[in-house]
Amino acid sequence: MNCSVVIPVYRGESTIVPLVESLAAELPKIAQSYEVILVNDSSPDSSWQKIEELSRRFPWVVGVNLMRNYGQHNATLCGVRAAHYEITITMDDDLQHPPAEICRLLEKLDEGYDVVYGVPRQLPQGFWRNQITKYTKIVLANTMGVPSVRNMSAFRAFRTNLRGAFAEFRSPNTILDVLLSWGTSRITAVVVDIQPARGSNYNFFTLVKATLLVLTGYSTGPLRLASLVGLFMTLFGLAIFVYVLVTYFIAGSLPGFPFLASIIAIFSGAQLFTLGIIGEYLAHMFDRSMGRPAYVVQETIGGTNS
């Protein structure tokens, strides 16, 4: 078996050296030929200098330096497209994903699956962060059409030929897991030991943004929801109209201003909600129509495969 390990790097100056050293010890046990592709996502620290040192030290380390920060999924996509071998493994740069657990992903892959995720026995973040992450992944799994895989992570192994399904993808808004689902539905997960990691670069607003991207960038579900909201509000309006007529003929008077104001507020809120959803779709269409790339490579070093 030959494999390519793709690692997006951001603020990883203190972790990528021990990570690559661990990979140097593990990869010869599981692969005949291998490479490690370190994609520097315009990290503000000295990560690129560390990558240059590693590429000189290990001939199988490839360094890719991006022009600016494009985000974790975009940087990972860059590495996936640069992979040379038939199996691609992706992992974080913060030592959270132990190289010793890669063999478990590959064993599951040998059972006939195309994508295998390594999920932790217990989520490593705080309660509220774990809950947000959990429900974000549920949304993502249902968007992919694989609801049974709800514990997806950046620690994954898949067959490199899956990238043919998204070879023409050029949007700057990238969710790699959705792209992989375009090529296969044979997706599963195995439980692995995840190590405690440094503080995450993702905060509450970043997770909300990612959820909105999944919903409006790769699914028509929100548009259907907007249609259902519109239908419900129409029926609600008809019911109010009937109520007003009945009140008029029975009591001889109509409800006052507070009643009218509340009805206007309800309908206005429903309209703004629907317009907001449509606006999200228009924003994604605008981004794609501009032809903005998912990433731009500034330079590449290394590349002598093992």
Foldseek 3Di string as FASTA:
>chain_A
DEEEEEEEDAPQPPFQVVQVVQCVVQVVVPHPWYAYEYEYQAHPDCVVVVLVVVCVVDLRYKYFYFPHHLDDQLSRVVRLVVDDDFKYWYDYRFQQDRPNCVVVQVVVVVVPFFKEAAAEPDDQDDDVVVVLLQVLLCLLCVLLVNNVPSRHDRGMMGTSVLCVLCVVPFFLLDDVVSSSSSRDNRYYYDYDHTDRGDDDPDDPVNSVVNSLCSDQVRHCVVLVVLVVLVVVLVVVVVVVVVVQVVCCVPVVDGDDDVVVVVNVVVVVVSVVSNVVSVVSNVVRVVRVVVRHGNTHTDDMDRDPID
